[in-house]
């Protein structure tokens, strides 16, 4: 089951801690999905303050 980090919104599966920021605050209560391939040129990544490529939750529902 995929979980999103409450700190950076990075989505991962089967993790105890976020592989991106190391936070242990993960939740399965999120909605929307944003996939960032190249954060350096992505306007969406800049708006959401995303610095690394990957899957992110659009919204944490907690």
N, C-alpha and C. Protein backbone atom coordinates (compact mmCIF):
# COMPACT_ATOMS: atom_id res chain seq x y z
N UNK A 1 0.84 -1.18 0.00
CA UNK A 1 0.00 0.00 0.00
C UNK A 1 0.88 1.25 0.00
N UNK A 2 0.52 2.19 -0.81
CA UNK A 2 1.30 3.43 -0.88
C UNK A 2 0.93 4.37 0.25
N UNK A 3 1.93 5.06 0.75
CA UNK A 3 1.73 6.05 1.81
C UNK A 3 2.44 7.34 1.42
N UNK A 4 1.88 8.44 1.87
CA UNK A 4 2.47 9.76 1.60
C UNK A 4 3.07 10.32 2.88
N UNK A 5 4.18 10.98 2.73
CA UNK A 5 4.84 11.64 3.85
C UNK A 5 4.09 12.93 4.18
N UNK A 6 3.79 13.12 5.45
CA UNK A 6 3.08 14.33 5.87
C UNK A 6 3.98 15.58 5.80
N UNK A 7 5.28 15.39 5.75
CA UNK A 7 6.21 16.51 5.72
C UNK A 7 6.47 16.99 4.29
N UNK A 8 6.85 16.06 3.39
CA UNK A 8 7.23 16.46 2.03
C UNK A 8 6.27 15.98 0.95
N UNK A 9 5.26 15.17 1.33
CA UNK A 9 4.22 14.64 0.44
C UNK A 9 4.73 13.59 -0.55
N UNK A 10 5.94 13.11 -0.39
CA UNK A 10 6.49 12.07 -1.26
C UNK A 10 5.73 10.77 -1.02
N UNK A 11 5.36 10.08 -2.10
CA UNK A 11 4.62 8.83 -1.99
C UNK A 11 5.58 7.66 -2.16
N UNK A 12 5.50 6.71 -1.22
CA UNK A 12 6.32 5.51 -1.28
C UNK A 12 5.48 4.31 -0.84
N UNK A 13 6.00 3.13 -1.07
CA UNK A 13 5.27 1.93 -0.66
C UNK A 13 6.16 1.06 0.22
N UNK A 14 5.56 0.52 1.27
CA UNK A 14 6.27 -0.41 2.13
C UNK A 14 7.37 0.19 2.98
N UNK A 15 7.37 1.48 3.14
CA UNK A 15 8.44 2.13 3.91
C UNK A 15 7.97 2.44 5.34
N UNK A 16 8.90 2.43 6.28
CA UNK A 16 8.62 2.85 7.66
C UNK A 16 8.92 4.33 7.80
N UNK A 17 9.92 4.79 7.04
CA UNK A 17 10.28 6.21 7.00
C UNK A 17 10.29 6.68 5.56
N UNK A 18 10.09 7.96 5.38
CA UNK A 18 10.11 8.54 4.04
C UNK A 18 11.52 8.41 3.46
N UNK A 19 11.64 7.82 2.27
CA UNK A 19 12.98 7.69 1.67
C UNK A 19 13.56 9.02 1.20
N UNK A 20 12.72 10.06 1.10
CA UNK A 20 13.20 11.35 0.63
C UNK A 20 13.68 12.24 1.77
N UNK A 21 12.84 12.42 2.80
CA UNK A 21 13.22 13.34 3.88
C UNK A 21 13.52 12.65 5.21
N UNK A 22 13.20 11.34 5.32
CA UNK A 22 13.50 10.60 6.54
C UNK A 22 12.46 10.70 7.63
N UNK A 23 11.37 11.40 7.38
CA UNK A 23 10.31 11.54 8.38
C UNK A 23 9.60 10.20 8.58
N UNK A 24 9.13 9.96 9.82
CA UNK A 24 8.34 8.76 10.08
C UNK A 24 6.85 9.06 10.10
N UNK A 25 6.46 10.25 9.67
CA UNK A 25 5.05 10.67 9.64
C UNK A 25 4.45 10.36 8.28
N UNK A 26 4.03 9.09 8.09
CA UNK A 26 3.45 8.65 6.84
C UNK A 26 1.96 8.39 7.02
N UNK A 27 1.19 8.59 5.96
CA UNK A 27 -0.25 8.37 6.01
C UNK A 27 -0.74 7.77 4.70
N UNK A 28 -1.83 7.01 4.79
CA UNK A 28 -2.46 6.51 3.57
C UNK A 28 -3.67 7.37 3.20
N UNK A 29 -3.87 8.45 3.94
CA UNK A 29 -4.99 9.35 3.70
C UNK A 29 -4.53 10.57 2.92
N UNK A 30 -4.44 10.39 1.62
CA UNK A 30 -4.05 11.48 0.72
C UNK A 30 -4.89 11.39 -0.53
N UNK A 31 -4.96 12.49 -1.26
CA UNK A 31 -5.70 12.50 -2.52
C UNK A 31 -4.89 13.21 -3.59
N UNK A 32 -5.10 12.78 -4.82
CA UNK A 32 -4.38 13.36 -5.93
C UNK A 32 -2.97 12.84 -6.02
N UNK A 33 -2.45 12.91 -7.22
CA UNK A 33 -1.11 12.41 -7.47
C UNK A 33 -0.42 13.34 -8.46
N UNK A 34 0.79 13.73 -8.12
CA UNK A 34 1.60 14.57 -9.00
C UNK A 34 2.89 13.81 -9.26
N UNK A 35 3.22 13.62 -10.52
CA UNK A 35 4.48 12.96 -10.87
C UNK A 35 5.42 14.01 -11.45
N UNK A 36 6.55 14.18 -10.81
CA UNK A 36 7.55 15.16 -11.24
C UNK A 36 8.73 14.42 -11.84
N UNK A 37 9.02 14.71 -13.09
CA UNK A 37 10.13 14.06 -13.79
C UNK A 37 11.39 14.92 -13.72
N UNK A 38 11.24 16.22 -13.98
CA UNK A 38 12.37 17.13 -13.97
C UNK A 38 12.00 18.38 -13.17
N UNK A 39 12.26 18.39 -11.86
CA UNK A 39 11.83 19.50 -11.02
C UNK A 39 12.48 20.85 -11.36
N UNK A 40 13.65 20.82 -12.03
CA UNK A 40 14.34 22.07 -12.36
C UNK A 40 13.57 22.90 -13.38
N UNK A 41 12.81 22.25 -14.26
CA UNK A 41 12.09 22.99 -15.30
C UNK A 41 10.57 22.93 -15.14
N UNK A 42 10.09 22.25 -14.11
CA UNK A 42 8.65 22.09 -13.90
C UNK A 42 8.07 23.27 -13.10
N UNK A 43 7.09 23.93 -13.69
CA UNK A 43 6.41 25.02 -12.98
C UNK A 43 5.62 24.48 -11.78
N UNK A 44 5.05 23.29 -11.93
CA UNK A 44 4.29 22.69 -10.82
C UNK A 44 5.23 22.37 -9.67
N UNK A 45 6.39 21.82 -9.97
CA UNK A 45 7.36 21.51 -8.91
C UNK A 45 7.80 22.78 -8.18
N UNK A 46 8.00 23.84 -8.91
CA UNK A 46 8.39 25.10 -8.28
C UNK A 46 7.28 25.63 -7.38
N UNK A 47 6.03 25.53 -7.86
CA UNK A 47 4.90 26.02 -7.07
C UNK A 47 4.71 25.19 -5.79
N UNK A 48 4.95 23.88 -5.88
CA UNK A 48 4.80 23.00 -4.73
C UNK A 48 6.08 22.84 -3.92
N UNK A 49 7.15 23.53 -4.32
CA UNK A 49 8.44 23.49 -3.64
C UNK A 49 9.03 22.07 -3.62
N UNK A 50 8.94 21.38 -4.76
CA UNK A 50 9.48 20.04 -4.90
C UNK A 50 10.83 20.12 -5.58
N UNK A 51 11.83 19.49 -4.96
CA UNK A 51 13.21 19.57 -5.46
C UNK A 51 13.71 18.27 -6.07
N UNK A 52 13.00 17.14 -5.84
CA UNK A 52 13.47 15.84 -6.34
C UNK A 52 12.39 15.18 -7.19
N UNK A 53 12.77 14.45 -8.22
CA UNK A 53 11.78 13.75 -9.03
C UNK A 53 11.09 12.64 -8.23
N UNK A 54 9.85 12.34 -8.61
CA UNK A 54 9.12 11.26 -7.94
C UNK A 54 7.63 11.49 -7.93
N UNK A 55 6.93 10.64 -7.17
CA UNK A 55 5.47 10.74 -7.02
C UNK A 55 5.17 11.48 -5.72
N UNK A 56 4.23 12.42 -5.79
CA UNK A 56 3.87 13.23 -4.63
C UNK A 56 2.35 13.29 -4.49
N UNK A 57 1.88 13.41 -3.27
CA UNK A 57 0.45 13.59 -3.01
C UNK A 57 0.10 15.04 -3.28
N UNK A 58 -1.03 15.26 -3.93
CA UNK A 58 -1.49 16.63 -4.15
C UNK A 58 -2.03 17.21 -2.83
N UNK A 59 -2.64 16.35 -2.00
CA UNK A 59 -3.22 16.83 -0.75
C UNK A 59 -3.17 15.73 0.29
N UNK A 60 -2.77 16.08 1.50
CA UNK A 60 -2.83 15.17 2.65
C UNK A 60 -4.16 15.42 3.33
N UNK A 61 -4.94 14.37 3.56
CA UNK A 61 -6.30 14.50 4.08
C UNK A 61 -6.40 14.32 5.59
N UNK A 62 -5.42 14.70 6.35
CA UNK A 62 -5.49 14.59 7.80
C UNK A 62 -5.28 15.92 8.44
